[in-house]
Amino acid sequence: MSADALIMTRFNVDELSVRRLRKVDPEFGTLCEDYATACCALKRWQTDELKASDYRAVIAELEQEISSFLSRSTHH
């Protein structure tokens, strides 16, 4: 699944909103790519509880940052 699709699914936002925010803020784009990478890694390591736990923590942190970006973008 693409980074944009993951963000749209997880945060219930439309594709246009994600694309606009990626275009105006490269940091958001980097967060999206990092999120997709972490989600992919979690799937790969789901049978290794230690690694899976680490990736879940990274994903939770990235979700907070992404949510913050999305909240700020809807208030402008």
PDB file of N, CA and C in Angstrom:
ATOM      1  N   MET A   1       0.858  -1.181   0.000  1.00  0.00           N
ATOM      2  CA  MET A   1       0.000   0.000   0.000  1.00  0.00           C
ATOM      3  C   MET A   1       0.900   1.240   0.000  1.00  0.00           C
ATOM      4  N   SER A   2       0.525   2.234  -0.777  1.00  0.00           N
ATOM      5  CA  SER A   2       1.330   3.461  -0.856  1.00  0.00           C
ATOM      6  C   SER A   2       1.237   4.251   0.449  1.00  0.00           C
ATOM      7  N   ALA A   3       2.209   5.140   0.626  1.00  0.00           N
ATOM      8  CA  ALA A   3       2.214   5.981   1.821  1.00  0.00           C
ATOM      9  C   ALA A   3       0.943   6.823   1.885  1.00  0.00           C
ATOM     10  N   ASP A   4       0.549   7.402   0.754  1.00  0.00           N
ATOM     11  CA  ASP A   4      -0.667   8.228   0.744  1.00  0.00           C
ATOM     12  C   ASP A   4      -1.896   7.404   1.106  1.00  0.00           C
ATOM     13  N   ALA A   5      -1.980   6.205   0.563  1.00  0.00           N
ATOM     14  CA  ALA A   5      -3.136   5.344   0.854  1.00  0.00           C
ATOM     15  C   ALA A   5      -3.179   4.981   2.335  1.00  0.00           C
ATOM     16  N   LEU A   6      -2.029   4.700   2.913  1.00  0.00           N
ATOM     17  CA  LEU A   6      -1.984   4.391   4.349  1.00  0.00           C
ATOM     18  C   LEU A   6      -2.470   5.575   5.176  1.00  0.00           C
ATOM     19  N   ILE A   7      -2.021   6.773   4.815  1.00  0.00           N
ATOM     20  CA  ILE A   7      -2.420   7.977   5.550  1.00  0.00           C
ATOM     21  C   ILE A   7      -3.915   8.221   5.389  1.00  0.00           C
ATOM     22  N   MET A   8      -4.414   8.086   4.167  1.00  0.00           N
ATOM     23  CA  MET A   8      -5.844   8.308   3.921  1.00  0.00           C
ATOM     24  C   MET A   8      -6.691   7.324   4.716  1.00  0.00           C
ATOM     25  N   THR A   9      -6.260   6.073   4.757  1.00  0.00           N
ATOM     26  CA  THR A   9      -7.011   5.042   5.475  1.00  0.00           C
ATOM     27  C   THR A   9      -6.947   5.260   6.984  1.00  0.00           C
ATOM     28  N   ARG A  10      -5.762   5.474   7.500  1.00  0.00           N
ATOM     29  CA  ARG A  10      -5.574   5.588   8.950  1.00  0.00           C
ATOM     30  C   ARG A  10      -6.228   6.845   9.521  1.00  0.00           C
ATOM     31  N   PHE A  11      -6.132   7.950   8.782  1.00  0.00           N
ATOM     32  CA  PHE A  11      -6.600   9.228   9.321  1.00  0.00           C
ATOM     33  C   PHE A  11      -7.898   9.717   8.698  1.00  0.00           C
ATOM     34  N   ASN A  12      -8.476   8.908   7.834  1.00  0.00           N
ATOM     35  CA  ASN A  12      -9.760   9.237   7.203  1.00  0.00           C
ATOM     36  C   ASN A  12      -9.738  10.620   6.552  1.00  0.00           C
ATOM     37  N   VAL A  13      -8.722  10.832   5.718  1.00  0.00           N
ATOM     38  CA  VAL A  13      -8.618  12.079   4.969  1.00  0.00           C
ATOM     39  C   VAL A  13      -8.627  11.759   3.479  1.00  0.00           C
ATOM     40  N   ASP A  14      -9.000  12.756   2.689  1.00  0.00           N
ATOM     41  CA  ASP A  14      -9.075  12.518   1.246  1.00  0.00           C
ATOM     42  C   ASP A  14      -7.700  12.692   0.590  1.00  0.00           C
ATOM     43  N   GLU A  15      -7.582  12.116  -0.584  1.00  0.00           N
ATOM     44  CA  GLU A  15      -6.314  12.118  -1.315  1.00  0.00           C
ATOM     45  C   GLU A  15      -5.836  13.533  -1.627  1.00  0.00           C
ATOM     46  N   LEU A  16      -6.745  14.404  -2.006  1.00  0.00           N
ATOM     47  CA  LEU A  16      -6.368  15.771  -2.345  1.00  0.00           C
ATOM     48  C   LEU A  16      -5.728  16.480  -1.156  1.00  0.00           C
ATOM     49  N   SER A  17      -6.266  16.288   0.021  1.00  0.00           N
ATOM     50  CA  SER A  17      -5.698  16.914   1.221  1.00  0.00           C
ATOM     51  C   SER A  17      -4.284  16.428   1.476  1.00  0.00           C
ATOM     52  N   VAL A  18      -4.079  15.132   1.336  1.00  0.00           N
ATOM     53  CA  VAL A  18      -2.745  14.557   1.559  1.00  0.00           C
ATOM     54  C   VAL A  18      -1.774  15.093   0.517  1.00  0.00           C
ATOM     55  N   ARG A  19      -2.165  15.094  -0.736  1.00  0.00           N
ATOM     56  CA  ARG A  19      -1.280  15.576  -1.806  1.00  0.00           C
ATOM     57  C   ARG A  19      -0.936  17.057  -1.634  1.00  0.00           C
ATOM     58  N   ARG A  20      -1.916  17.851  -1.269  1.00  0.00           N
ATOM     59  CA  ARG A  20      -1.658  19.288  -1.064  1.00  0.00           C
ATOM     60  C   ARG A  20      -0.652  19.504   0.061  1.00  0.00           C
ATOM     61  N   LEU A  21      -0.864  18.812   1.156  1.00  0.00           N
ATOM     62  CA  LEU A  21       0.024  18.988   2.300  1.00  0.00           C
ATOM     63  C   LEU A  21       1.432  18.498   1.973  1.00  0.00           C
ATOM     64  N   ARG A  22       1.549  17.392   1.249  1.00  0.00           N
ATOM     65  CA  ARG A  22       2.863  16.896   0.823  1.00  0.00           C
ATOM     66  C   ARG A  22       3.568  17.936  -0.050  1.00  0.00           C
ATOM     67  N   LYS A  23       2.788  18.593  -0.905  1.00  0.00           N
ATOM     68  CA  LYS A  23       3.360  19.556  -1.847  1.00  0.00           C
ATOM     69  C   LYS A  23       3.893  20.798  -1.129  1.00  0.00           C
ATOM     70  N   VAL A  24       3.157  21.283  -0.146  1.00  0.00           N
ATOM     71  CA  VAL A  24       3.562  22.517   0.540  1.00  0.00           C
ATOM     72  C   VAL A  24       4.512  22.272   1.709  1.00  0.00           C
ATOM     73  N   ASP A  25       4.594  21.046   2.193  1.00  0.00           N
ATOM     74  CA  ASP A  25       5.448  20.773   3.342  1.00  0.00           C
ATOM     75  C   ASP A  25       6.212  19.462   3.153  1.00  0.00           C
ATOM     76  N   PRO A  26       7.452  19.551   2.693  1.00  0.00           N
ATOM     77  CA  PRO A  26       8.250  18.345   2.467  1.00  0.00           C
ATOM     78  C   PRO A  26       8.418  17.485   3.729  1.00  0.00           C
ATOM     79  N   GLU A  27       8.397  18.109   4.892  1.00  0.00           N
ATOM     80  CA  GLU A  27       8.522  17.346   6.137  1.00  0.00           C
ATOM     81  C   GLU A  27       7.346  16.379   6.303  1.00  0.00           C
ATOM     82  N   PHE A  28       6.157  16.816   5.902  1.00  0.00           N
ATOM     83  CA  PHE A  28       4.995  15.939   5.958  1.00  0.00           C
ATOM     84  C   PHE A  28       5.194  14.742   5.024  1.00  0.00           C
ATOM     85  N   GLY A  29       5.723  14.997   3.842  1.00  0.00           N
ATOM     86  CA  GLY A  29       5.994  13.914   2.901  1.00  0.00           C
ATOM     87  C   GLY A  29       6.968  12.895   3.472  1.00  0.00           C
ATOM     88  N   THR A  30       7.984  13.392   4.141  1.00  0.00           N
ATOM     89  CA  THR A  30       8.961  12.503   4.779  1.00  0.00           C
ATOM     90  C   THR A  30       8.294  11.673   5.868  1.00  0.00           C
ATOM     91  N   LEU A  31       7.442  12.299   6.666  1.00  0.00           N
ATOM     92  CA  LEU A  31       6.707  11.572   7.711  1.00  0.00           C
ATOM     93  C   LEU A  31       5.849  10.465   7.097  1.00  0.00           C
ATOM     94  N   CYS A  32       5.190  10.774   5.987  1.00  0.00           N
ATOM     95  CA  CYS A  32       4.345   9.775   5.319  1.00  0.00           C
ATOM     96  C   CYS A  32       5.174   8.584   4.858  1.00  0.00           C
ATOM     97  N   GLU A  33       6.321   8.862   4.260  1.00  0.00           N
ATOM     98  CA  GLU A  33       7.188   7.777   3.790  1.00  0.00           C
ATOM     99  C   GLU A  33       7.729   6.960   4.970  1.00  0.00           C
ATOM    100  N   ASP A  34       8.120   7.641   6.039  1.00  0.00           N
ATOM    101  CA  ASP A  34       8.599   6.940   7.238  1.00  0.00           C
ATOM    102  C   ASP A  34       7.499   6.063   7.826  1.00  0.00           C
ATOM    103  N   TYR A  35       6.282   6.576   7.819  1.00  0.00           N
ATOM    104  CA  TYR A  35       5.141   5.826   8.334  1.00  0.00           C
ATOM    105  C   TYR A  35       4.914   4.558   7.516  1.00  0.00           C
ATOM    106  N   ALA A  36       4.950   4.696   6.200  1.00  0.00           N
ATOM    107  CA  ALA A  36       4.759   3.534   5.326  1.00  0.00           C
ATOM    108  C   ALA A  36       5.864   2.503   5.543  1.00  0.00           C
ATOM    109  N   THR A  37       7.088   2.975   5.687  1.00  0.00           N
ATOM    110  CA  THR A  37       8.217   2.074   5.924  1.00  0.00           C
ATOM    111  C   THR A  37       8.048   1.332   7.243  1.00  0.00           C
ATOM    112  N   ALA A  38       7.649   2.048   8.286  1.00  0.00           N
ATOM    113  CA  ALA A  38       7.461   1.426   9.600  1.00  0.00           C
ATOM    114  C   ALA A  38       6.313   0.420   9.575  1.00  0.00           C
ATOM    115  N   CYS A  39       5.231   0.742   8.883  1.00  0.00           N
ATOM    116  CA  CYS A  39       4.098  -0.187   8.780  1.00  0.00           C
ATOM    117  C   CYS A  39       4.503  -1.459   8.044  1.00  0.00           C
ATOM    118  N   CYS A  40       5.281  -1.300   6.994  1.00  0.00           N
ATOM    119  CA  CYS A  40       5.769  -2.446   6.228  1.00  0.00           C
ATOM    120  C   CYS A  40       6.696  -3.310   7.101  1.00  0.00           C
ATOM    121  N   ALA A  41       7.569  -2.654   7.836  1.00  0.00           N
ATOM    122  CA  ALA A  41       8.492  -3.382   8.715  1.00  0.00           C
ATOM    123  C   ALA A  41       7.726  -4.124   9.811  1.00  0.00           C
ATOM    124  N   LEU A  42       6.692  -3.501  10.351  1.00  0.00           N
ATOM    125  CA  LEU A  42       5.889  -4.165  11.379  1.00  0.00           C
ATOM    126  C   LEU A  42       5.274  -5.451  10.832  1.00  0.00           C
ATOM    127  N   LYS A  43       4.757  -5.396   9.621  1.00  0.00           N
ATOM    128  CA  LYS A  43       4.197  -6.607   9.013  1.00  0.00           C
ATOM    129  C   LYS A  43       5.261  -7.689   8.876  1.00  0.00           C
ATOM    130  N   ARG A  44       6.443  -7.265   8.458  1.00  0.00           N
ATOM    131  CA  ARG A  44       7.537  -8.225   8.251  1.00  0.00           C
ATOM    132  C   ARG A  44       7.978  -8.875   9.571  1.00  0.00           C
ATOM    133  N   TRP A  45       8.013  -8.099  10.638  1.00  0.00           N
ATOM    134  CA  TRP A  45       8.542  -8.577  11.910  1.00  0.00           C
ATOM    135  C   TRP A  45       7.458  -8.898  12.935  1.00  0.00           C
ATOM    136  N   GLN A  46       6.226  -9.083  12.517  1.00  0.00           N
ATOM    137  CA  GLN A  46       5.141  -9.289  13.477  1.00  0.00           C
ATOM    138  C   GLN A  46       5.320 -10.535  14.342  1.00  0.00           C
ATOM    139  N   THR A  47       6.108 -11.495  13.885  1.00  0.00           N
ATOM    140  CA  THR A  47       6.321 -12.702  14.694  1.00  0.00           C
ATOM    141  C   THR A  47       7.476 -12.542  15.684  1.00  0.00           C
ATOM    142  N   ASP A  48       8.227 -11.458  15.583  1.00  0.00           N
ATOM    143  CA  ASP A  48       9.315 -11.158  16.521  1.00  0.00           C
ATOM    144  C   ASP A  48       8.801 -10.062  17.457  1.00  0.00           C
ATOM    145  N   GLU A  49       8.360 -10.436  18.642  1.00  0.00           N
ATOM    146  CA  GLU A  49       7.670  -9.499  19.532  1.00  0.00           C
ATOM    147  C   GLU A  49       8.522  -8.287  19.896  1.00  0.00           C
ATOM    148  N   LEU A  50       9.807  -8.469  20.082  1.00  0.00           N
ATOM    149  CA  LEU A  50      10.663  -7.338  20.436  1.00  0.00           C
ATOM    150  C   LEU A  50      10.725  -6.316  19.301  1.00  0.00           C
ATOM    151  N   LYS A  51      10.989  -6.787  18.092  1.00  0.00           N
ATOM    152  CA  LYS A  51      11.041  -5.871  16.945  1.00  0.00           C
ATOM    153  C   LYS A  51       9.668  -5.278  16.655  1.00  0.00           C
ATOM    154  N   ALA A  52       8.638  -6.093  16.740  1.00  0.00           N
ATOM    155  CA  ALA A  52       7.283  -5.608  16.491  1.00  0.00           C
ATOM    156  C   ALA A  52       6.919  -4.504  17.484  1.00  0.00           C
ATOM    157  N   SER A  53       7.296  -4.697  18.720  1.00  0.00           N
ATOM    158  CA  SER A  53       7.024  -3.696  19.745  1.00  0.00           C
ATOM    159  C   SER A  53       7.730  -2.387  19.428  1.00  0.00           C
ATOM    160  N   ASP A  54       8.979  -2.467  18.992  1.00  0.00           N
ATOM    161  CA  ASP A  54       9.726  -1.267  18.611  1.00  0.00           C
ATOM    162  C   ASP A  54       9.032  -0.540  17.460  1.00  0.00           C
ATOM    163  N   TYR A  55       8.606  -1.301  16.455  1.00  0.00           N
ATOM    164  CA  TYR A  55       7.945  -0.672  15.308  1.00  0.00           C
ATOM    165  C   TYR A  55       6.591  -0.093  15.677  1.00  0.00           C
ATOM    166  N   ARG A  56       5.868  -0.736  16.577  1.00  0.00           N
ATOM    167  CA  ARG A  56       4.594  -0.170  17.030  1.00  0.00           C
ATOM    168  C   ARG A  56       4.817   1.175  17.725  1.00  0.00           C
ATOM    169  N   ALA A  57       5.890   1.263  18.484  1.00  0.00           N
ATOM    170  CA  ALA A  57       6.209   2.524  19.162  1.00  0.00           C
ATOM    171  C   ALA A  57       6.555   3.613  18.147  1.00  0.00           C
ATOM    172  N   VAL A  58       7.336   3.259  17.142  1.00  0.00           N
ATOM    173  CA  VAL A  58       7.691   4.219  16.097  1.00  0.00           C
ATOM    174  C   VAL A  58       6.432   4.669  15.345  1.00  0.00           C
ATOM    175  N   ILE A  59       5.577   3.717  15.019  1.00  0.00           N
ATOM    176  CA  ILE A  59       4.338   4.029  14.311  1.00  0.00           C
ATOM    177  C   ILE A  59       3.466   4.965  15.142  1.00  0.00           C
ATOM    178  N   ALA A  60       3.348   4.709  16.419  1.00  0.00           N
ATOM    179  CA  ALA A  60       2.536   5.570  17.289  1.00  0.00           C
ATOM    180  C   ALA A  60       3.086   6.994  17.315  1.00  0.00           C
ATOM    181  N   GLU A  61       4.396   7.123  17.378  1.00  0.00           N
ATOM    182  CA  GLU A  61       5.019   8.451  17.384  1.00  0.00           C
ATOM    183  C   GLU A  61       4.776   9.169  16.051  1.00  0.00           C
ATOM    184  N   LEU A  62       4.946   8.449  14.961  1.00  0.00           N
ATOM    185  CA  LEU A  62       4.704   9.035  13.641  1.00  0.00           C
ATOM    186  C   LEU A  62       3.237   9.420  13.475  1.00  0.00           C
ATOM    187  N   GLU A  63       2.341   8.600  13.988  1.00  0.00           N
ATOM    188  CA  GLU A  63       0.909   8.920  13.898  1.00  0.00           C
ATOM    189  C   GLU A  63       0.590  10.221  14.634  1.00  0.00           C
ATOM    190  N   GLN A  64       1.232  10.445  15.759  1.00  0.00           N
ATOM    191  CA  GLN A  64       1.010  11.694  16.491  1.00  0.00           C
ATOM    192  C   GLN A  64       1.489  12.893  15.678  1.00  0.00           C
ATOM    193  N   GLU A  65       2.663  12.756  15.065  1.00  0.00           N
ATOM    194  CA  GLU A  65       3.200  13.845  14.261  1.00  0.00           C
ATOM    195  C   GLU A  65       2.330  14.108  13.029  1.00  0.00           C
ATOM    196  N   ILE A  66       1.920  13.048  12.367  1.00  0.00           N
ATOM    197  CA  ILE A  66       1.070  13.187  11.181  1.00  0.00           C
ATOM    198  C   ILE A  66      -0.263  13.818  11.555  1.00  0.00           C
ATOM    199  N   SER A  67      -0.834  13.368  12.647  1.00  0.00           N
ATOM    200  CA  SER A  67      -2.103  13.924  13.116  1.00  0.00           C
ATOM    201  C   SER A  67      -1.969  15.418  13.391  1.00  0.00           C
ATOM    202  N   SER A  68      -0.860  15.807  13.954  1.00  0.00           N
ATOM    203  CA  SER A  68      -0.610  17.219  14.230  1.00  0.00           C
ATOM    204  C   SER A  68      -0.545  18.020  12.934  1.00  0.00           C
ATOM    205  N   PHE A  69       0.153  17.503  11.933  1.00  0.00           N
ATOM    206  CA  PHE A  69       0.214  18.172  10.634  1.00  0.00           C
ATOM    207  C   PHE A  69      -1.178  18.309  10.033  1.00  0.00           C
ATOM    208  N   LEU A  70      -1.942  17.231  10.080  1.00  0.00           N
ATOM    209  CA  LEU A  70      -3.284  17.239   9.498  1.00  0.00           C
ATOM    210  C   LEU A  70      -4.192  18.225  10.231  1.00  0.00           C
ATOM    211  N   SER A  71      -4.076  18.281  11.540  1.00  0.00           N
ATOM    212  CA  SER A  71      -4.890  19.221  12.318  1.00  0.00           C
ATOM    213  C   SER A  71      -4.558  20.667  11.972  1.00  0.00           C
ATOM    214  N   ARG A  72      -3.272  20.954  11.876  1.00  0.00           N
ATOM    215  CA  ARG A  72      -2.855  22.327  11.533  1.00  0.00           C
ATOM    216  C   ARG A  72      -3.310  22.701  10.133  1.00  0.00           C
ATOM    217  N   SER A  73      -3.272  21.749   9.209  1.00  0.00           N
ATOM    218  CA  SER A  73      -3.641  22.064   7.825  1.00  0.00           C
ATOM    219  C   SER A  73      -5.132  22.315   7.670  1.00  0.00           C
ATOM    220  N   THR A  74      -5.950  21.716   8.515  1.00  0.00           N
ATOM    221  CA  THR A  74      -7.403  21.925   8.408  1.00  0.00           C
ATOM    222  C   THR A  74      -7.831  23.218   9.085  1.00  0.00           C
ATOM    223  N   HIS A  75      -6.953  23.793   9.898  1.00  0.00           N
ATOM    224  CA  HIS A  75      -7.269  25.053  10.576  1.00  0.00           C
ATOM    225  C   HIS A  75      -6.773  26.271   9.813  1.00  0.00           C
ATOM    226  N   HIS A  76      -6.188  26.058   8.646  1.00  0.00           N
ATOM    227  CA  HIS A  76      -5.696  27.198   7.836  1.00  0.00           C
ATOM    228  C   HIS A  76      -6.620  27.471   6.704  1.00  0.00           C
TER     229      HIS A  76
END
